[in-house]
C-alpha atoms as a PDB file:
ATOM      1  CA  MET A   1       0.308  -0.566 -15.018  1.00  0.00           C
ATOM      2  CA  LYS A   2       1.758  -3.364 -16.688  1.00  0.00           C
ATOM      3  CA  VAL A   3       5.296  -2.808 -19.344  1.00  0.00           C
ATOM      4  CA  ASP A   4       6.504  -5.215 -21.404  1.00  0.00           C
ATOM      5  CA  GLY A   5       4.381  -7.697 -19.818  1.00  0.00           C
ATOM      6  CA  GLU A   6       4.717  -6.775 -15.907  1.00  0.00           C
ATOM      7  CA  GLU A   7       3.140  -5.054 -13.756  1.00  0.00           C
ATOM      8  CA  PHE A   8       5.440  -1.384 -12.582  1.00  0.00           C
ATOM      9  CA  GLU A   9       6.793  -1.498  -9.729  1.00  0.00           C
ATOM     10  CA  PRO A  10       7.966   1.519  -7.741  1.00  0.00           C
ATOM     11  CA  HIS A  11      11.232   2.064  -7.273  1.00  0.00           C
ATOM     12  CA  PRO A  12      13.482   5.222  -6.548  1.00  0.00           C
ATOM     13  CA  MET A  13      15.295   6.726  -9.326  1.00  0.00           C
ATOM     14  CA  PHE A  14      18.759   8.321  -8.910  1.00  0.00           C
ATOM     15  CA  GLU A  15      20.767  12.162 -10.093  1.00  0.00           C
ATOM     16  CA  PRO A  16      23.537  10.792 -10.953  1.00  0.00           C
ATOM     17  CA  LYS A  17      26.059  13.150 -10.071  1.00  0.00           C
ATOM     18  CA  THR A  18      25.005  12.935  -6.700  1.00  0.00           C
ATOM     19  CA  GLY A  19      23.431  10.094  -5.423  1.00  0.00           C
ATOM     20  CA  LYS A  20      19.481  12.139  -4.754  1.00  0.00           C
ATOM     21  CA  PHE A  21      16.716   9.491  -5.347  1.00  0.00           C
ATOM     22  CA  MET A  22      12.956  10.320  -6.284  1.00  0.00           C
ATOM     23  CA  MET A  23      10.202   7.691  -5.679  1.00  0.00           C
ATOM     24  CA  ALA A  24       9.231   5.983  -8.977  1.00  0.00           C
ATOM     25  CA  ASP A  25       5.347   6.112  -7.547  1.00  0.00           C
ATOM     26  CA  THR A  26       3.889   5.347 -11.329  1.00  0.00           C
ATOM     27  CA  MET A  27       5.269   5.357 -14.948  1.00  0.00           C
ATOM     28  CA  GLU A  28       4.161   8.216 -15.462  1.00  0.00           C
ATOM     29  CA  GLU A  29       6.806  10.122 -12.998  1.00  0.00           C
ATOM     30  CA  HIS A  30       9.177   7.620 -14.057  1.00  0.00           C
ATOM     31  CA  LEU A  31       9.187   8.270 -17.682  1.00  0.00           C
ATOM     32  CA  ILE A  32       9.587  12.357 -16.687  1.00  0.00           C
ATOM     33  CA  PHE A  33      12.296  11.396 -14.006  1.00  0.00           C
ATOM     34  CA  LYS A  34      14.040   9.318 -17.057  1.00  0.00           C
ATOM     35  CA  GLU A  35      13.055  12.014 -19.253  1.00  0.00           C
ATOM     36  CA  LEU A  36      15.521  14.474 -16.303  1.00  0.00           C
ATOM     37  CA  GLY A  37      18.253  12.666 -16.376  1.00  0.00           C
ATOM     38  CA  LEU A  38      17.303  10.357 -13.305  1.00  0.00           C
ATOM     39  CA  VAL A  39      18.234   6.856 -13.169  1.00  0.00           C
ATOM     40  CA  HIS A  40      18.113   3.833 -11.448  1.00  0.00           C
ATOM     41  CA  GLU A  41      20.674   2.518  -9.178  1.00  0.00           C
ATOM     42  CA  ASP A  42      22.026   0.221 -11.022  1.00  0.00           C
ATOM     43  CA  GLU A  43      23.695   3.315 -13.392  1.00  0.00           C
ATOM     44  CA  LEU A  44      25.257   4.584 -11.081  1.00  0.00           C
ATOM     45  CA  ASP A  45      29.153   5.010 -10.464  1.00  0.00           C
ATOM     46  CA  GLU A  46      30.260   3.446  -8.095  1.00  0.00           C
ATOM     47  CA  ASP A  47      31.607   6.486  -5.730  1.00  0.00           C
ATOM     48  CA  VAL A  48      28.221   7.441  -6.309  1.00  0.00           C
ATOM     49  CA  LYS A  49      26.374   3.954  -5.568  1.00  0.00           C
ATOM     50  CA  SER A  50      28.829   3.322  -2.039  1.00  0.00           C
ATOM     51  CA  LYS A  51      27.261   7.205  -1.014  1.00  0.00           C
ATOM     52  CA  ALA A  52      23.480   6.346  -1.592  1.00  0.00           C
ATOM     53  CA  LYS A  53      24.023   3.078   0.195  1.00  0.00           C
ATOM     54  CA  LYS A  54      25.995   4.894   3.247  1.00  0.00           C
ATOM     55  CA  GLY A  55      22.976   7.059   3.893  1.00  0.00           C
ATOM     56  CA  GLY A  56      25.096   9.719   1.638  1.00  0.00           C
ATOM     57  CA  ALA A  57      21.332  10.060  -0.673  1.00  0.00           C
ATOM     58  CA  VAL A  58      18.826  12.325   0.072  1.00  0.00           C
ATOM     59  CA  VAL A  59      15.218  12.384  -0.842  1.00  0.00           C
ATOM     60  CA  ILE A  60      14.458  14.927  -3.091  1.00  0.00           C
ATOM     61  CA  SER A  61      10.624  16.853  -4.170  1.00  0.00           C
ATOM     62  CA  PHE A  62       9.632  16.408  -7.553  1.00  0.00           C
ATOM     63  CA  MET A  63      10.590  20.388  -8.311  1.00  0.00           C
ATOM     64  CA  GLU A  64      13.812  19.524  -7.046  1.00  0.00           C
ATOM     65  CA  ALA A  65      14.383  16.564 -10.118  1.00  0.00           C
ATOM     66  CA  VAL A  66      12.197  18.788 -12.411  1.00  0.00           C
ATOM     67  CA  GLU A  67      14.069  22.630 -11.752  1.00  0.00           C
ATOM     68  CA  ASP A  68      17.808  20.173 -11.855  1.00  0.00           C
ATOM     69  CA  GLY A  69      16.734  18.799 -14.956  1.00  0.00           C
ATOM     70  CA  MET A  70      15.558  22.416 -16.722  1.00  0.00           C
ATOM     71  CA  LYS A  71      18.814  23.097 -15.668  1.00  0.00           C
ATOM     72  CA  LYS A  72      20.862  20.286 -17.395  1.00  0.00           C
ATOM     73  CA  LYS A  73      18.695  21.830 -20.808  1.00  0.00           C
END
């Protein structure tokens, strides 16, 4: 799928407070994760970003992301 003339590239989306992440493999997943409050790595606070880079981040399941997003609303 092309977005703004560019091909979609799968990438991780992060939970901003914990650094937990999920892979957005499709644009549809990306939009769902964005709606749930997940962000790109460059949008993380420095403390969370350093935790994620040191291997402290945990991959979460789709259901965990949905449940976390539902709690925020």
